[in-house]
């Protein structure tokens, strides 16, 4: 292999398709919300933002854009919601006998 062929090989760059910024932001916020779901106000606000960004990212994704992270953000957001509802129900059931 001559020097010119090696140079051409190193100059090739992979093609990167259009990115979905809202979907990525939604996934990151949903992941943060999942770990902070036990914090009453912060976890809820971050969860809501993650759900909104993931939904917008999924709606904006065209046929050529990847929507994998937007779908993952929605799944993690729904999982966070289920975790939050279960922990709230657990707290209510624990404290209910104390209040009568």
Protein backbone atom coordinates (compact mmCIF):
# COMPACT_ATOMS: atom_id res chain seq x y z
CA UNK A 1 0.00 0.00 0.00
CA UNK A 2 1.48 3.32 -1.00
CA UNK A 3 1.45 6.52 0.99
CA UNK A 4 -1.45 8.05 -0.97
CA UNK A 5 -3.73 5.07 -0.33
CA UNK A 6 -2.95 5.20 3.38
CA UNK A 7 -3.72 8.91 3.44
CA UNK A 8 -7.10 8.35 1.77
CA UNK A 9 -7.91 5.62 4.27
CA UNK A 10 -7.29 7.93 7.24
CA UNK A 11 -9.17 10.85 5.70
CA UNK A 12 -12.44 8.98 5.43
CA UNK A 13 -14.89 10.08 8.06
CA UNK A 14 -18.01 8.18 9.05
CA UNK A 15 -21.27 9.71 7.97
CA UNK A 16 -23.32 10.94 10.85
CA UNK A 17 -27.03 11.34 10.30
CA UNK A 18 -29.14 14.13 11.71
CA UNK A 19 -29.33 14.14 15.48
CA UNK A 20 -32.44 14.45 17.62
CA UNK A 21 -31.49 16.93 20.36
CA UNK A 22 -34.88 16.91 22.07
CA UNK A 23 -34.86 13.12 22.27
CA UNK A 24 -31.37 13.08 23.79
CA UNK A 25 -32.32 15.79 26.31
CA UNK A 26 -35.50 13.90 27.20
CA UNK A 27 -33.59 10.68 27.78
CA UNK A 28 -31.00 12.37 29.99
CA UNK A 29 -33.67 14.17 32.02
CA UNK A 30 -35.70 10.97 32.36
CA UNK A 31 -32.62 9.11 33.57
CA UNK A 32 -31.85 11.82 36.14
CA UNK A 33 -35.50 11.79 37.23
CA UNK A 34 -35.38 8.03 37.69
CA UNK A 35 -32.53 8.33 40.19
CA UNK A 36 -34.04 11.37 41.93
CA UNK A 37 -37.65 10.17 41.95
CA UNK A 38 -37.59 10.01 45.76
CA UNK A 39 -37.03 13.79 46.01
CA UNK A 40 -40.55 15.26 46.14
CA UNK A 41 -40.44 18.43 44.02
CA UNK A 42 -37.13 18.10 42.16
CA UNK A 43 -37.79 14.57 40.96
CA UNK A 44 -41.28 15.43 39.78
CA UNK A 45 -40.19 18.54 37.86
CA UNK A 46 -37.30 16.74 36.19
CA UNK A 47 -39.59 13.81 35.37
CA UNK A 48 -42.11 16.14 33.75
CA UNK A 49 -39.40 17.89 31.70
CA UNK A 50 -38.02 14.51 30.59
CA UNK A 51 -41.45 13.35 29.54
CA UNK A 52 -42.11 16.54 27.58
CA UNK A 53 -38.71 16.56 25.85
CA UNK A 54 -38.98 12.87 24.96
CA UNK A 55 -42.46 13.40 23.52
CA UNK A 56 -41.32 16.42 21.50
CA UNK A 57 -38.25 14.51 20.29
CA UNK A 58 -40.41 11.61 19.19
CA UNK A 59 -42.83 13.94 17.41
CA UNK A 60 -40.02 15.85 15.68
CA UNK A 61 -38.10 12.78 14.53
CA UNK A 62 -38.44 12.40 10.81
CA UNK A 63 -37.80 9.26 8.85
CA UNK A 64 -34.08 9.97 8.61
CA UNK A 65 -33.56 10.92 12.25
CA UNK A 66 -32.98 8.39 14.95
CA UNK A 67 -35.68 8.30 17.60
CA UNK A 68 -34.19 5.54 19.77
CA UNK A 69 -33.28 7.85 22.66
CA UNK A 70 -36.67 9.58 22.51
CA UNK A 71 -38.41 6.22 22.89
CA UNK A 72 -36.00 5.22 25.66
CA UNK A 73 -36.72 8.55 27.39
CA UNK A 74 -40.44 7.86 27.27
CA UNK A 75 -39.96 4.36 28.67
CA UNK A 76 -37.74 5.60 31.51
CA UNK A 77 -40.18 8.47 32.23
CA UNK A 78 -43.08 6.06 32.50
CA UNK A 79 -40.96 3.79 34.71
CA UNK A 80 -40.15 6.78 36.94
CA UNK A 81 -43.84 7.62 37.17
CA UNK A 82 -44.66 4.06 38.23
CA UNK A 83 -41.86 4.15 40.82
CA UNK A 84 -43.11 7.50 42.13
CA UNK A 85 -46.73 6.27 42.42
CA UNK A 86 -45.62 3.10 44.22
CA UNK A 87 -43.50 5.04 46.71
CA UNK A 88 -46.33 7.52 47.32
CA UNK A 89 -48.80 4.67 47.90
CA UNK A 90 -46.35 3.03 50.27
CA UNK A 91 -46.00 6.24 52.28
CA UNK A 92 -49.76 6.73 52.44
CA UNK A 93 -50.36 3.14 53.54
CA UNK A 94 -47.65 3.41 56.19
CA UNK A 95 -48.88 6.71 57.61
CA UNK A 96 -52.63 6.04 57.35
CA UNK A 97 -52.93 4.08 60.63
CA UNK A 98 -51.17 6.87 62.52
CA UNK A 99 -53.77 9.43 61.48
CA UNK A 100 -56.73 7.32 62.09
